Amino acid sequence: MDTTTKFWKLFQKRAATLAAIKSADDPVYDEVLGALQSISPDLWLEVSLEPGSV
């Protein structure tokens, strides 16, 4: 399996957890970011919270 496919499989597996994280300090963020950066180290994830959710 290539790195892009591995990333998307992990992303799907962790989607609900990613949707619930409050910051990039969450270990799931690091796990998914690591998979993304295995495709290219220039890629990053962005965490965005709805207003008033903090």
N, C-alpha and C. Protein backbone atom coordinates (compact mmCIF):
# COMPACT_ATOMS: atom_id res chain seq x y z
N MET A 1 0.85 -1.17 0.00
CA MET A 1 0.00 0.00 0.00
C MET A 1 0.90 1.24 0.00
N ASP A 2 0.59 2.21 -0.84
CA ASP A 2 1.42 3.41 -0.91
C ASP A 2 1.10 4.38 0.25
N THR A 3 1.96 5.36 0.44
CA THR A 3 1.82 6.26 1.59
C THR A 3 0.55 7.10 1.53
N THR A 4 0.10 7.47 0.34
CA THR A 4 -1.13 8.25 0.22
C THR A 4 -2.33 7.43 0.66
N THR A 5 -2.39 6.19 0.23
CA THR A 5 -3.48 5.31 0.63
C THR A 5 -3.45 5.06 2.13
N LYS A 6 -2.27 4.85 2.68
CA LYS A 6 -2.13 4.65 4.13
C LYS A 6 -2.66 5.87 4.89
N PHE A 7 -2.30 7.08 4.41
CA PHE A 7 -2.77 8.29 5.07
C PHE A 7 -4.30 8.34 5.07
N TRP A 8 -4.92 8.13 3.93
CA TRP A 8 -6.38 8.25 3.85
C TRP A 8 -7.09 7.18 4.67
N LYS A 9 -6.53 6.00 4.74
CA LYS A 9 -7.12 4.96 5.59
C LYS A 9 -7.05 5.37 7.07
N LEU A 10 -5.90 5.90 7.49
CA LEU A 10 -5.76 6.37 8.86
C LEU A 10 -6.68 7.55 9.12
N PHE A 11 -6.76 8.47 8.17
CA PHE A 11 -7.64 9.63 8.32
C PHE A 11 -9.09 9.19 8.52
N GLN A 12 -9.54 8.25 7.72
CA GLN A 12 -10.91 7.73 7.87
C GLN A 12 -11.10 7.06 9.23
N LYS A 13 -10.11 6.30 9.65
CA LYS A 13 -10.19 5.60 10.93
C LYS A 13 -10.25 6.58 12.10
N ARG A 14 -9.55 7.69 12.00
CA ARG A 14 -9.46 8.67 13.08
C ARG A 14 -10.37 9.89 12.89
N ALA A 15 -11.22 9.90 11.89
CA ALA A 15 -12.03 11.08 11.55
C ALA A 15 -12.86 11.59 12.72
N ALA A 16 -13.54 10.72 13.43
CA ALA A 16 -14.38 11.15 14.55
C ALA A 16 -13.53 11.76 15.67
N THR A 17 -12.39 11.16 15.93
CA THR A 17 -11.51 11.69 16.96
C THR A 17 -10.93 13.04 16.53
N LEU A 18 -10.53 13.15 15.27
CA LEU A 18 -10.02 14.43 14.76
C LEU A 18 -11.06 15.53 14.87
N ALA A 19 -12.31 15.19 14.60
CA ALA A 19 -13.38 16.19 14.67
C ALA A 19 -13.59 16.71 16.08
N ALA A 20 -13.18 15.94 17.07
CA ALA A 20 -13.42 16.31 18.47
C ALA A 20 -12.21 16.95 19.16
N ILE A 21 -11.04 16.95 18.51
CA ILE A 21 -9.87 17.49 19.20
C ILE A 21 -9.98 19.00 19.37
N LYS A 22 -9.35 19.50 20.41
CA LYS A 22 -9.41 20.93 20.74
C LYS A 22 -8.15 21.68 20.31
N SER A 23 -7.06 20.96 20.05
CA SER A 23 -5.83 21.63 19.64
C SER A 23 -4.90 20.63 18.95
N ALA A 24 -3.85 21.17 18.38
CA ALA A 24 -2.85 20.33 17.72
C ALA A 24 -1.97 19.60 18.74
N ASP A 25 -2.22 19.79 20.03
CA ASP A 25 -1.47 19.08 21.07
C ASP A 25 -2.00 17.66 21.29
N ASP A 26 -3.12 17.33 20.67
CA ASP A 26 -3.72 16.01 20.82
C ASP A 26 -2.85 14.96 20.13
N PRO A 27 -2.60 13.82 20.76
CA PRO A 27 -1.76 12.78 20.15
C PRO A 27 -2.28 12.27 18.79
N VAL A 28 -3.58 12.30 18.59
CA VAL A 28 -4.14 11.85 17.30
C VAL A 28 -3.71 12.80 16.18
N TYR A 29 -3.62 14.08 16.50
CA TYR A 29 -3.12 15.05 15.52
C TYR A 29 -1.72 14.65 15.07
N ASP A 30 -0.86 14.34 16.03
CA ASP A 30 0.51 13.94 15.71
C ASP A 30 0.56 12.67 14.86
N GLU A 31 -0.31 11.72 15.20
CA GLU A 31 -0.35 10.47 14.44
C GLU A 31 -0.74 10.72 12.98
N VAL A 32 -1.81 11.49 12.78
CA VAL A 32 -2.28 11.76 11.42
C VAL A 32 -1.29 12.66 10.68
N LEU A 33 -0.74 13.64 11.37
CA LEU A 33 0.27 14.51 10.75
C LEU A 33 1.48 13.71 10.29
N GLY A 34 1.92 12.77 11.11
CA GLY A 34 3.05 11.93 10.72
C GLY A 34 2.77 11.15 9.45
N ALA A 35 1.55 10.63 9.34
CA ALA A 35 1.17 9.89 8.13
C ALA A 35 1.13 10.83 6.92
N LEU A 36 0.60 12.04 7.13
CA LEU A 36 0.54 13.02 6.04
C LEU A 36 1.93 13.43 5.60
N GLN A 37 2.81 13.68 6.56
CA GLN A 37 4.16 14.12 6.21
C GLN A 37 5.03 13.00 5.66
N SER A 38 4.56 11.76 5.77
CA SER A 38 5.28 10.67 5.09
C SER A 38 5.07 10.76 3.58
N ILE A 39 4.00 11.44 3.17
CA ILE A 39 3.76 11.70 1.75
C ILE A 39 4.70 12.81 1.30
N SER A 40 4.70 13.90 2.07
CA SER A 40 5.59 15.03 1.81
C SER A 40 5.76 15.81 3.11
N PRO A 41 6.99 16.10 3.51
CA PRO A 41 7.22 16.86 4.76
C PRO A 41 6.71 18.30 4.68
N ASP A 42 6.32 18.75 3.50
CA ASP A 42 5.81 20.10 3.33
C ASP A 42 4.31 20.20 3.62
N LEU A 43 3.65 19.08 3.88
CA LEU A 43 2.21 19.08 4.14
C LEU A 43 1.93 19.21 5.63
N TRP A 44 0.86 19.93 5.98
CA TRP A 44 0.47 20.16 7.37
C TRP A 44 -1.03 20.02 7.52
N LEU A 45 -1.49 19.77 8.73
CA LEU A 45 -2.90 19.75 9.06
C LEU A 45 -3.23 21.05 9.78
N GLU A 46 -4.46 21.49 9.64
CA GLU A 46 -4.91 22.67 10.37
C GLU A 46 -6.11 22.29 11.23
N VAL A 47 -6.09 22.74 12.47
CA VAL A 47 -7.21 22.50 13.38
C VAL A 47 -8.01 23.78 13.48
N SER A 48 -9.31 23.67 13.26
CA SER A 48 -10.17 24.84 13.32
C SER A 48 -11.35 24.53 14.24
N LEU A 49 -11.62 25.41 15.19
CA LEU A 49 -12.70 25.24 16.13
C LEU A 49 -13.85 26.18 15.79
N GLU A 50 -15.04 25.73 16.04
CA GLU A 50 -16.19 26.60 15.85
C GLU A 50 -16.17 27.69 16.92
N PRO A 51 -16.59 28.90 16.58
CA PRO A 51 -16.62 29.97 17.58
C PRO A 51 -17.43 29.57 18.81
N GLY A 52 -16.89 29.86 19.97
CA GLY A 52 -17.57 29.54 21.22
C GLY A 52 -17.41 28.12 21.69
N SER A 53 -16.63 27.30 21.00
CA SER A 53 -16.49 25.89 21.38
C SER A 53 -15.39 25.67 22.41
N VAL A 54 -14.61 26.69 22.70
CA VAL A 54 -13.52 26.54 23.67
C VAL A 54 -13.97 26.96 25.04
